[in-house]
Amino acid sequence: MADAMSVSANQRGRLMMSTERLNESSDRIKESRRTMRETEELGVSILQDLHQQRQSLLHANDTVFLLLKVPYRHHLLTGKFEGKDEKEINEERRKKEQVKEIKMLF
């Protein structure tokens, strides 16, 4: 009978240890799930920020492209670039060259 009691006490001890380990494992799983949710929320926030930054960059790119494209198209359509036609531009170049030549003489 004493033998049965010691076996029963031994089984109770092992059962308590198993229950304690099970509770600790459950706590670790709960903590892991909490960490996973926080990480997922942070990832979603980062993706939203990156999307907004991408949209801003695309808008800026479009704006710069349009700013560069409009004067060039105007030049193609009118033969003028920034209000000057090719003849005026060539005349300015010629005058600048003449000024350089005069400066070189002195």
PDB file of N, CA and C in Angstrom:
ATOM      1  N   MET A   1       0.821  -1.184   0.000  1.00  0.00           N
ATOM      2  CA  MET A   1       0.000   0.000   0.000  1.00  0.00           C
ATOM      3  C   MET A   1       0.871   1.258   0.000  1.00  0.00           C
ATOM      4  N   ALA A   2       1.930   1.243   0.738  1.00  0.00           N
ATOM      5  CA  ALA A   2       2.842   2.373   0.767  1.00  0.00           C
ATOM      6  C   ALA A   2       3.448   2.570  -0.605  1.00  0.00           C
ATOM      7  N   ASP A   3       3.647   1.466  -1.285  1.00  0.00           N
ATOM      8  CA  ASP A   3       4.177   1.525  -2.640  1.00  0.00           C
ATOM      9  C   ASP A   3       3.201   2.221  -3.585  1.00  0.00           C
ATOM     10  N   ALA A   4       1.927   1.924  -3.445  1.00  0.00           N
ATOM     11  CA  ALA A   4       0.891   2.532  -4.282  1.00  0.00           C
ATOM     12  C   ALA A   4       0.786   4.019  -3.987  1.00  0.00           C
ATOM     13  N   MET A   5       0.964   4.393  -2.748  1.00  0.00           N
ATOM     14  CA  MET A   5       0.886   5.807  -2.379  1.00  0.00           C
ATOM     15  C   MET A   5       2.066   6.580  -2.959  1.00  0.00           C
ATOM     16  N   SER A   6       3.246   5.956  -2.949  1.00  0.00           N
ATOM     17  CA  SER A   6       4.407   6.656  -3.490  1.00  0.00           C
ATOM     18  C   SER A   6       4.283   6.785  -5.007  1.00  0.00           C
ATOM     19  N   VAL A   7       3.715   5.760  -5.653  1.00  0.00           N
ATOM     20  CA  VAL A   7       3.497   5.820  -7.095  1.00  0.00           C
ATOM     21  C   VAL A   7       2.479   6.906  -7.394  1.00  0.00           C
ATOM     22  N   SER A   8       1.425   6.971  -6.606  1.00  0.00           N
ATOM     23  CA  SER A   8       0.387   7.983  -6.797  1.00  0.00           C
ATOM     24  C   SER A   8       0.955   9.382  -6.577  1.00  0.00           C
ATOM     25  N   ALA A   9       1.795   9.571  -5.558  1.00  0.00           N
ATOM     26  CA  ALA A   9       2.401  10.873  -5.286  1.00  0.00           C
ATOM     27  C   ALA A   9       3.361  11.236  -6.418  1.00  0.00           C
ATOM     28  N   ASN A  10       4.083  10.242  -6.914  1.00  0.00           N
ATOM     29  CA  ASN A  10       5.006  10.466  -8.019  1.00  0.00           C
ATOM     30  C   ASN A  10       4.230  10.880  -9.272  1.00  0.00           C
ATOM     31  N   GLN A  11       3.125  10.232  -9.539  1.00  0.00           N
ATOM     32  CA  GLN A  11       2.292  10.572 -10.693  1.00  0.00           C
ATOM     33  C   GLN A  11       1.718  11.981 -10.546  1.00  0.00           C
ATOM     34  N   ARG A  12       1.286  12.313  -9.323  1.00  0.00           N
ATOM     35  CA  ARG A  12       0.760  13.663  -9.064  1.00  0.00           C
ATOM     36  C   ARG A  12       1.847  14.711  -9.310  1.00  0.00           C
ATOM     37  N   GLY A  13       3.040  14.433  -8.891  1.00  0.00           N
ATOM     38  CA  GLY A  13       4.149  15.362  -9.089  1.00  0.00           C
ATOM     39  C   GLY A  13       4.448  15.569 -10.579  1.00  0.00           C
ATOM     40  N   ARG A  14       4.485  14.450 -11.309  1.00  0.00           N
ATOM     41  CA  ARG A  14       4.716  14.561 -12.753  1.00  0.00           C
ATOM     42  C   ARG A  14       3.577  15.290 -13.444  1.00  0.00           C
ATOM     43  N   LEU A  15       2.347  15.040 -13.000  1.00  0.00           N
ATOM     44  CA  LEU A  15       1.189  15.713 -13.569  1.00  0.00           C
ATOM     45  C   LEU A  15       1.261  17.220 -13.299  1.00  0.00           C
ATOM     46  N   MET A  16       1.656  17.601 -12.097  1.00  0.00           N
ATOM     47  CA  MET A  16       1.782  19.032 -11.765  1.00  0.00           C
ATOM     48  C   MET A  16       2.880  19.690 -12.599  1.00  0.00           C
ATOM     49  N   MET A  17       3.992  18.989 -12.787  1.00  0.00           N
ATOM     50  CA  MET A  17       5.078  19.534 -13.601  1.00  0.00           C
ATOM     51  C   MET A  17       4.635  19.684 -15.061  1.00  0.00           C
ATOM     52  N   SER A  18       3.901  18.681 -15.541  1.00  0.00           N
ATOM     53  CA  SER A  18       3.403  18.750 -16.920  1.00  0.00           C
ATOM     54  C   SER A  18       2.410  19.895 -17.079  1.00  0.00           C
ATOM     55  N   THR A  19       1.560  20.074 -16.100  1.00  0.00           N
ATOM     56  CA  THR A  19       0.584  21.170 -16.140  1.00  0.00           C
ATOM     57  C   THR A  19       1.301  22.519 -16.123  1.00  0.00           C
ATOM     58  N   GLU A  20       2.352  22.636 -15.308  1.00  0.00           N
ATOM     59  CA  GLU A  20       3.120  23.883 -15.242  1.00  0.00           C
ATOM     60  C   GLU A  20       3.805  24.176 -16.573  1.00  0.00           C
ATOM     61  N   ARG A  21       4.395  23.151 -17.167  1.00  0.00           N
ATOM     62  CA  ARG A  21       5.036  23.348 -18.479  1.00  0.00           C
ATOM     63  C   ARG A  21       4.011  23.711 -19.542  1.00  0.00           C
ATOM     64  N   LEU A  22       2.847  23.099 -19.487  1.00  0.00           N
ATOM     65  CA  LEU A  22       1.777  23.412 -20.430  1.00  0.00           C
ATOM     66  C   LEU A  22       1.334  24.866 -20.268  1.00  0.00           C
ATOM     67  N   ASN A  23       1.200  25.318 -19.042  1.00  0.00           N
ATOM     68  CA  ASN A  23       0.817  26.723 -18.787  1.00  0.00           C
ATOM     69  C   ASN A  23       1.893  27.688 -19.286  1.00  0.00           C
ATOM     70  N   GLU A  24       3.152  27.353 -19.063  1.00  0.00           N
ATOM     71  CA  GLU A  24       4.243  28.204 -19.549  1.00  0.00           C
ATOM     72  C   GLU A  24       4.245  28.258 -21.076  1.00  0.00           C
ATOM     73  N   SER A  25       4.011  27.112 -21.709  1.00  0.00           N
ATOM     74  CA  SER A  25       3.954  27.074 -23.179  1.00  0.00           C
ATOM     75  C   SER A  25       2.786  27.909 -23.691  1.00  0.00           C
ATOM     76  N   SER A  26       1.652  27.821 -23.020  1.00  0.00           N
ATOM     77  CA  SER A  26       0.489  28.632 -23.411  1.00  0.00           C
ATOM     78  C   SER A  26       0.801  30.117 -23.292  1.00  0.00           C
ATOM     79  N   ASP A  27       1.488  30.504 -22.215  1.00  0.00           N
ATOM     80  CA  ASP A  27       1.864  31.911 -22.043  1.00  0.00           C
ATOM     81  C   ASP A  27       2.811  32.367 -23.159  1.00  0.00           C
ATOM     82  N   ARG A  28       3.766  31.515 -23.524  1.00  0.00           N
ATOM     83  CA  ARG A  28       4.693  31.870 -24.610  1.00  0.00           C
ATOM     84  C   ARG A  28       3.945  32.009 -25.938  1.00  0.00           C
ATOM     85  N   ILE A  29       2.975  31.138 -26.170  1.00  0.00           N
ATOM     86  CA  ILE A  29       2.182  31.223 -27.402  1.00  0.00           C
ATOM     87  C   ILE A  29       1.380  32.524 -27.416  1.00  0.00           C
ATOM     88  N   LYS A  30       0.772  32.888 -26.283  1.00  0.00           N
ATOM     89  CA  LYS A  30       0.014  34.149 -26.212  1.00  0.00           C
ATOM     90  C   LYS A  30       0.933  35.342 -26.490  1.00  0.00           C
ATOM     91  N   GLU A  31       2.122  35.339 -25.905  1.00  0.00           N
ATOM     92  CA  GLU A  31       3.082  36.428 -26.117  1.00  0.00           C
ATOM     93  C   GLU A  31       3.533  36.472 -27.579  1.00  0.00           C
ATOM     94  N   SER A  32       3.748  35.310 -28.177  1.00  0.00           N
ATOM     95  CA  SER A  32       4.143  35.254 -29.587  1.00  0.00           C
ATOM     96  C   SER A  32       3.042  35.802 -30.488  1.00  0.00           C
ATOM     97  N   ARG A  33       1.805  35.480 -30.174  1.00  0.00           N
ATOM     98  CA  ARG A  33       0.684  36.001 -30.966  1.00  0.00           C
ATOM     99  C   ARG A  33       0.574  37.518 -30.833  1.00  0.00           C
ATOM    100  N   ARG A  34       0.787  38.031 -29.614  1.00  0.00           N
ATOM    101  CA  ARG A  34       0.751  39.481 -29.407  1.00  0.00           C
ATOM    102  C   ARG A  34       1.854  40.161 -30.223  1.00  0.00           C
ATOM    103  N   THR A  35       3.047  39.592 -30.193  1.00  0.00           N
ATOM    104  CA  THR A  35       4.169  40.135 -30.960  1.00  0.00           C
ATOM    105  C   THR A  35       3.870  40.079 -32.457  1.00  0.00           C
ATOM    106  N   MET A  36       3.254  38.984 -32.900  1.00  0.00           N
ATOM    107  CA  MET A  36       2.905  38.837 -34.311  1.00  0.00           C
ATOM    108  C   MET A  36       1.910  39.921 -34.739  1.00  0.00           C
ATOM    109  N   ARG A  37       0.894  40.179 -33.905  1.00  0.00           N
ATOM    110  CA  ARG A  37      -0.088  41.222 -34.240  1.00  0.00           C
ATOM    111  C   ARG A  37       0.570  42.599 -34.318  1.00  0.00           C
ATOM    112  N   GLU A  38       1.446  42.895 -33.349  1.00  0.00           N
ATOM    113  CA  GLU A  38       2.150  44.189 -33.370  1.00  0.00           C
ATOM    114  C   GLU A  38       3.014  44.325 -34.616  1.00  0.00           C
ATOM    115  N   THR A  39       3.711  43.259 -34.968  1.00  0.00           N
ATOM    116  CA  THR A  39       4.574  43.275 -36.158  1.00  0.00           C
ATOM    117  C   THR A  39       3.747  43.464 -37.419  1.00  0.00           C
ATOM    118  N   GLU A  40       2.601  42.802 -37.479  1.00  0.00           N
ATOM    119  CA  GLU A  40       1.733  42.937 -38.646  1.00  0.00           C
ATOM    120  C   GLU A  40       1.202  44.372 -38.755  1.00  0.00           C
ATOM    121  N   GLU A  41       0.795  44.960 -37.630  1.00  0.00           N
ATOM    122  CA  GLU A  41       0.304  46.346 -37.640  1.00  0.00           C
ATOM    123  C   GLU A  41       1.405  47.302 -38.093  1.00  0.00           C
ATOM    124  N   LEU A  42       2.616  47.078 -37.610  1.00  0.00           N
ATOM    125  CA  LEU A  42       3.743  47.924 -38.017  1.00  0.00           C
ATOM    126  C   LEU A  42       4.018  47.769 -39.510  1.00  0.00           C
ATOM    127  N   GLY A  43       3.969  46.531 -40.007  1.00  0.00           N
ATOM    128  CA  GLY A  43       4.177  46.290 -41.441  1.00  0.00           C
ATOM    129  C   GLY A  43       3.135  46.990 -42.296  1.00  0.00           C
ATOM    130  N   VAL A  44       1.877  46.939 -41.870  1.00  0.00           N
ATOM    131  CA  VAL A  44       0.805  47.614 -42.610  1.00  0.00           C
ATOM    132  C   VAL A  44       1.045  49.113 -42.623  1.00  0.00           C
ATOM    133  N   SER A  45       1.439  49.661 -41.481  1.00  0.00           N
ATOM    134  CA  SER A  45       1.722  51.102 -41.398  1.00  0.00           C
ATOM    135  C   SER A  45       2.870  51.493 -42.327  1.00  0.00           C
ATOM    136  N   ILE A  46       3.912  50.696 -42.350  1.00  0.00           N
ATOM    137  CA  ILE A  46       5.064  50.976 -43.219  1.00  0.00           C
ATOM    138  C   ILE A  46       4.646  50.918 -44.683  1.00  0.00           C
ATOM    139  N   LEU A  47       3.857  49.916 -45.039  1.00  0.00           N
ATOM    140  CA  LEU A  47       3.392  49.804 -46.430  1.00  0.00           C
ATOM    141  C   LEU A  47       2.532  51.002 -46.826  1.00  0.00           C
ATOM    142  N   GLN A  48       1.703  51.483 -45.917  1.00  0.00           N
ATOM    143  CA  GLN A  48       0.880  52.662 -46.208  1.00  0.00           C
ATOM    144  C   GLN A  48       1.762  53.890 -46.418  1.00  0.00           C
ATOM    145  N   ASP A  49       2.769  54.050 -45.558  1.00  0.00           N
ATOM    146  CA  ASP A  49       3.694  55.179 -45.719  1.00  0.00           C
ATOM    147  C   ASP A  49       4.437  55.102 -47.050  1.00  0.00           C
ATOM    148  N   LEU A  50       4.909  53.917 -47.393  1.00  0.00           N
ATOM    149  CA  LEU A  50       5.622  53.742 -48.665  1.00  0.00           C
ATOM    150  C   LEU A  50       4.713  54.034 -49.851  1.00  0.00           C
ATOM    151  N   HIS A  51       3.454  53.643 -49.754  1.00  0.00           N
ATOM    152  CA  HIS A  51       2.508  53.922 -50.833  1.00  0.00           C
ATOM    153  C   HIS A  51       2.320  55.435 -50.993  1.00  0.00           C
ATOM    154  N   GLN A  52       2.174  56.137 -49.870  1.00  0.00           N
ATOM    155  CA  GLN A  52       2.017  57.596 -49.941  1.00  0.00           C
ATOM    156  C   GLN A  52       3.265  58.252 -50.527  1.00  0.00           C
ATOM    157  N   GLN A  53       4.432  57.787 -50.128  1.00  0.00           N
ATOM    158  CA  GLN A  53       5.680  58.344 -50.660  1.00  0.00           C
ATOM    159  C   GLN A  53       5.793  58.067 -52.156  1.00  0.00           C
ATOM    160  N   ARG A  54       5.386  56.884 -52.581  1.00  0.00           N
ATOM    161  CA  ARG A  54       5.424  56.551 -54.006  1.00  0.00           C
ATOM    162  C   ARG A  54       4.507  57.473 -54.795  1.00  0.00           C
ATOM    163  N   GLN A  55       3.310  57.715 -54.261  1.00  0.00           N
ATOM    164  CA  GLN A  55       2.371  58.592 -54.942  1.00  0.00           C
ATOM    165  C   GLN A  55       2.943  60.011 -55.051  1.00  0.00           C
ATOM    166  N   SER A  56       3.582  60.476 -53.977  1.00  0.00           N
ATOM    167  CA  SER A  56       4.199  61.806 -53.999  1.00  0.00           C
ATOM    168  C   SER A  56       5.303  61.883 -55.051  1.00  0.00           C
ATOM    169  N   LEU A  57       6.134  60.850 -55.109  1.00  0.00           N
ATOM    170  CA  LEU A  57       7.220  60.835 -56.092  1.00  0.00           C
ATOM    171  C   LEU A  57       6.679  60.781 -57.518  1.00  0.00           C
ATOM    172  N   LEU A  58       5.655  59.981 -57.740  1.00  0.00           N
ATOM    173  CA  LEU A  58       5.062  59.911 -59.079  1.00  0.00           C
ATOM    174  C   LEU A  58       4.474  61.262 -59.483  1.00  0.00           C
ATOM    175  N   HIS A  59       3.815  61.924 -58.539  1.00  0.00           N
ATOM    176  CA  HIS A  59       3.236  63.235 -58.833  1.00  0.00           C
ATOM    177  C   HIS A  59       4.339  64.248 -59.147  1.00  0.00           C
ATOM    178  N   ALA A  60       5.411  64.228 -58.339  1.00  0.00           N
ATOM    179  CA  ALA A  60       6.532  65.137 -58.589  1.00  0.00           C
ATOM    180  C   ALA A  60       7.166  64.856 -59.948  1.00  0.00           C
ATOM    181  N   ASN A  61       7.327  63.583 -60.269  1.00  0.00           N
ATOM    182  CA  ASN A  61       7.896  63.209 -61.564  1.00  0.00           C
ATOM    183  C   ASN A  61       7.024  63.717 -62.709  1.00  0.00           C
ATOM    184  N   ASP A  62       5.718  63.538 -62.582  1.00  0.00           N
ATOM    185  CA  ASP A  62       4.808  64.030 -63.621  1.00  0.00           C
ATOM    186  C   ASP A  62       4.901  65.541 -63.772  1.00  0.00           C
ATOM    187  N   THR A  63       4.985  66.239 -62.633  1.00  0.00           N
ATOM    188  CA  THR A  63       5.068  67.701 -62.668  1.00  0.00           C
ATOM    189  C   THR A  63       6.342  68.154 -63.367  1.00  0.00           C
ATOM    190  N   VAL A  64       7.473  67.552 -63.013  1.00  0.00           N
ATOM    191  CA  VAL A  64       8.747  67.918 -63.639  1.00  0.00           C
ATOM    192  C   VAL A  64       8.704  67.601 -65.130  1.00  0.00           C
ATOM    193  N   PHE A  65       8.173  66.450 -65.479  1.00  0.00           N
ATOM    194  CA  PHE A  65       8.081  66.069 -66.884  1.00  0.00           C
ATOM    195  C   PHE A  65       7.261  67.090 -67.659  1.00  0.00           C
ATOM    196  N   LEU A  66       6.126  67.502 -67.090  1.00  0.00           N
ATOM    197  CA  LEU A  66       5.287  68.488 -67.778  1.00  0.00           C
ATOM    198  C   LEU A  66       5.994  69.837 -67.898  1.00  0.00           C
ATOM    199  N   LEU A  67       6.709  70.233 -66.845  1.00  0.00           N
ATOM    200  CA  LEU A  67       7.413  71.513 -66.891  1.00  0.00           C
ATOM    201  C   LEU A  67       8.498  71.508 -67.966  1.00  0.00           C
ATOM    202  N   LEU A  68       9.160  70.377 -68.124  1.00  0.00           N
ATOM    203  CA  LEU A  68      10.203  70.282 -69.145  1.00  0.00           C
ATOM    204  C   LEU A  68       9.615  70.096 -70.535  1.00  0.00           C
ATOM    205  N   LYS A  69       8.492  69.439 -70.614  1.00  0.00           N
ATOM    206  CA  LYS A  69       7.894  69.095 -71.890  1.00  0.00           C
ATOM    207  C   LYS A  69       7.210  70.296 -72.548  1.00  0.00           C
ATOM    208  N   VAL A  70       6.561  71.144 -71.769  1.00  0.00           N
ATOM    209  CA  VAL A  70       5.787  72.254 -72.336  1.00  0.00           C
ATOM    210  C   VAL A  70       6.660  73.213 -73.142  1.00  0.00           C
ATOM    211  N   PRO A  71       7.795  73.724 -72.617  1.00  0.00           N
ATOM    212  CA  PRO A  71       8.613  74.627 -73.443  1.00  0.00           C
ATOM    213  C   PRO A  71       9.144  73.946 -74.701  1.00  0.00           C
ATOM    214  N   TYR A  72       9.496  72.673 -74.597  1.00  0.00           N
ATOM    215  CA  TYR A  72      10.017  71.967 -75.756  1.00  0.00           C
ATOM    216  C   TYR A  72       8.942  71.829 -76.824  1.00  0.00           C
ATOM    217  N   ARG A  73       7.732  71.489 -76.419  1.00  0.00           N
ATOM    218  CA  ARG A  73       6.640  71.403 -77.394  1.00  0.00           C
ATOM    219  C   ARG A  73       6.358  72.758 -78.020  1.00  0.00           C
ATOM    220  N   HIS A  74       6.404  73.802 -77.193  1.00  0.00           N
ATOM    221  CA  HIS A  74       6.188  75.156 -77.713  1.00  0.00           C
ATOM    222  C   HIS A  74       7.230  75.454 -78.794  1.00  0.00           C
ATOM    223  N   HIS A  75       8.464  75.055 -78.547  1.00  0.00           N
ATOM    224  CA  HIS A  75       9.551  75.256 -79.510  1.00  0.00           C
ATOM    225  C   HIS A  75       9.268  74.502 -80.817  1.00  0.00           C
ATOM    226  N   LEU A  76       8.787  73.287 -80.691  1.00  0.00           N
ATOM    227  CA  LEU A  76       8.500  72.495 -81.897  1.00  0.00           C
ATOM    228  C   LEU A  76       7.357  73.105 -82.709  1.00  0.00           C
ATOM    229  N   LEU A  77       6.369  73.631 -82.013  1.00  0.00           N
ATOM    230  CA  LEU A  77       5.196  74.159 -82.708  1.00  0.00           C
ATOM    231  C   LEU A  77       5.439  75.540 -83.305  1.00  0.00           C
ATOM    232  N   THR A  78       6.189  76.381 -82.602  1.00  0.00           N
ATOM    233  CA  THR A  78       6.335  77.779 -83.034  1.00  0.00           C
ATOM    234  C   THR A  78       7.705  78.111 -83.592  1.00  0.00           C
ATOM    235  N   GLY A  79       8.665  77.228 -83.382  1.00  0.00           N
ATOM    236  CA  GLY A  79      10.021  77.562 -83.792  1.00  0.00           C
ATOM    237  C   GLY A  79      10.689  78.492 -82.797  1.00  0.00           C
ATOM    238  N   LYS A  80      10.012  78.771 -81.684  1.00  0.00           N
ATOM    239  CA  LYS A  80      10.575  79.654 -80.656  1.00  0.00           C
ATOM    240  C   LYS A  80      10.787  78.848 -79.389  1.00  0.00           C
ATOM    241  N   PHE A  81      11.845  79.179 -78.709  1.00  0.00           N
ATOM    242  CA  PHE A  81      12.109  78.567 -77.416  1.00  0.00           C
ATOM    243  C   PHE A  81      12.283  79.690 -76.426  1.00  0.00           C
ATOM    244  N   GLU A  82      11.446  79.698 -75.405  1.00  0.00           N
ATOM    245  CA  GLU A  82      11.451  80.771 -74.409  1.00  0.00           C
ATOM    246  C   GLU A  82      11.290  82.128 -75.081  1.00  0.00           C
ATOM    247  N   GLY A  83      10.418  82.208 -76.052  1.00  0.00           N
ATOM    248  CA  GLY A  83      10.101  83.488 -76.672  1.00  0.00           C
ATOM    249  C   GLY A  83      11.056  83.925 -77.770  1.00  0.00           C
ATOM    250  N   LYS A  84      12.065  83.130 -78.078  1.00  0.00           N
ATOM    251  CA  LYS A  84      13.029  83.509 -79.105  1.00  0.00           C
ATOM    252  C   LYS A  84      12.956  82.511 -80.250  1.00  0.00           C
ATOM    253  N   ASP A  85      13.007  83.022 -81.464  1.00  0.00           N
ATOM    254  CA  ASP A  85      13.047  82.105 -82.596  1.00  0.00           C
ATOM    255  C   ASP A  85      14.507  81.806 -82.937  1.00  0.00           C
ATOM    256  N   GLU A  86      14.722  80.943 -83.861  1.00  0.00           N
ATOM    257  CA  GLU A  86      16.073  80.500 -84.209  1.00  0.00           C
ATOM    258  C   GLU A  86      16.942  81.653 -84.714  1.00  0.00           C
ATOM    259  N   LYS A  87      16.350  82.558 -85.453  1.00  0.00           N
ATOM    260  CA  LYS A  87      17.098  83.702 -85.986  1.00  0.00           C
ATOM    261  C   LYS A  87      17.621  84.577 -84.843  1.00  0.00           C
ATOM    262  N   GLU A  88      16.768  84.827 -83.851  1.00  0.00           N
ATOM    263  CA  GLU A  88      17.198  85.648 -82.708  1.00  0.00           C
ATOM    264  C   GLU A  88      18.305  84.953 -81.918  1.00  0.00           C
ATOM    265  N   ILE A  89      18.177  83.660 -81.760  1.00  0.00           N
ATOM    266  CA  ILE A  89      19.204  82.912 -81.026  1.00  0.00           C
ATOM    267  C   ILE A  89      20.535  82.968 -81.766  1.00  0.00           C
ATOM    268  N   ASN A  90      20.518  82.778 -83.068  1.00  0.00           N
ATOM    269  CA  ASN A  90      21.752  82.840 -83.864  1.00  0.00           C
ATOM    270  C   ASN A  90      22.364  84.232 -83.822  1.00  0.00           C
ATOM    271  N   GLU A  91      21.531  85.259 -83.846  1.00  0.00           N
ATOM    272  CA  GLU A  91      22.027  86.646 -83.770  1.00  0.00           C
ATOM    273  C   GLU A  91      22.725  86.896 -82.439  1.00  0.00           C
ATOM    274  N   GLU A  92      22.150  86.398 -81.359  1.00  0.00           N
ATOM    275  CA  GLU A  92      22.777  86.556 -80.038  1.00  0.00           C
ATOM    276  C   GLU A  92      24.114  85.832 -79.989  1.00  0.00           C
ATOM    277  N   ARG A  93      24.176  84.656 -80.538  1.00  0.00           N
ATOM    278  CA  ARG A  93      25.441  83.906 -80.574  1.00  0.00           C
ATOM    279  C   ARG A  93      26.502  84.680 -81.359  1.00  0.00           C
ATOM    280  N   ARG A  94      26.103  85.232 -82.477  1.00  0.00           N
ATOM    281  CA  ARG A  94      27.039  85.981 -83.306  1.00  0.00           C
ATOM    282  C   ARG A  94      27.570  87.197 -82.549  1.00  0.00           C
ATOM    283  N   LYS A  95      26.697  87.913 -81.861  1.00  0.00           N
ATOM    284  CA  LYS A  95      27.122  89.091 -81.089  1.00  0.00           C
ATOM    285  C   LYS A  95      28.082  88.692 -79.982  1.00  0.00           C
ATOM    286  N   LYS A  96      27.808  87.579 -79.304  1.00  0.00           N
ATOM    287  CA  LYS A  96      28.689  87.119 -78.229  1.00  0.00           C
ATOM    288  C   LYS A  96      30.071  86.773 -78.779  1.00  0.00           C
ATOM    289  N   GLU A  97      30.102  86.155 -79.937  1.00  0.00           N
ATOM    290  CA  GLU A  97      31.381  85.818 -80.558  1.00  0.00           C
ATOM    291  C   GLU A  97      32.147  87.073 -80.934  1.00  0.00           C
ATOM    292  N   GLN A  98      31.445  88.089 -81.425  1.00  0.00           N
ATOM    293  CA  GLN A  98      32.107  89.351 -81.776  1.00  0.00           C
ATOM    294  C   GLN A  98      32.694  90.007 -80.536  1.00  0.00           C
ATOM    295  N   VAL A  99      31.951  89.975 -79.433  1.00  0.00           N
ATOM    296  CA  VAL A  99      32.447  90.573 -78.188  1.00  0.00           C
ATOM    297  C   VAL A  99      33.691  89.841 -77.739  1.00  0.00           C
ATOM    298  N   LYS A 100      33.707  88.524 -77.829  1.00  0.00           N
ATOM    299  CA  LYS A 100      34.885  87.740 -77.453  1.00  0.00           C
ATOM    300  C   LYS A 100      36.096  88.112 -78.309  1.00  0.00           C
ATOM    301  N   GLU A 101      35.872  88.273 -79.605  1.00  0.00           N
ATOM    302  CA  GLU A 101      36.958  88.620 -80.515  1.00  0.00           C
ATOM    303  C   GLU A 101      37.518  89.993 -80.165  1.00  0.00           C
ATOM    304  N   ILE A 102      36.659  90.941 -79.849  1.00  0.00           N
ATOM    305  CA  ILE A 102      37.117  92.292 -79.498  1.00  0.00           C
ATOM    306  C   ILE A 102      37.911  92.242 -78.202  1.00  0.00           C
ATOM    307  N   LYS A 103      37.467  91.488 -77.228  1.00  0.00           N
ATOM    308  CA  LYS A 103      38.161  91.390 -75.951  1.00  0.00           C
ATOM    309  C   LYS A 103      39.531  90.760 -76.143  1.00  0.00           C
ATOM    310  N   MET A 104      39.647  89.834 -77.073  1.00  0.00           N
ATOM    311  CA  MET A 104      40.932  89.175 -77.312  1.00  0.00           C
ATOM    312  C   MET A 104      41.932  90.133 -77.952  1.00  0.00           C
ATOM    313  N   LEU A 105      41.460  91.164 -78.637  1.00  0.00           N
ATOM    314  CA  LEU A 105      42.352  92.129 -79.265  1.00  0.00           C
ATOM    315  C   LEU A 105      43.007  93.027 -78.237  1.00  0.00           C
ATOM    316  N   PHE A 106      42.348  93.231 -77.123  1.00  0.00           N
ATOM    317  CA  PHE A 106      42.903  94.141 -76.108  1.00  0.00           C
ATOM    318  C   PHE A 106      43.560  93.447 -75.027  1.00  0.00           C
TER     319      PHE A 106
END
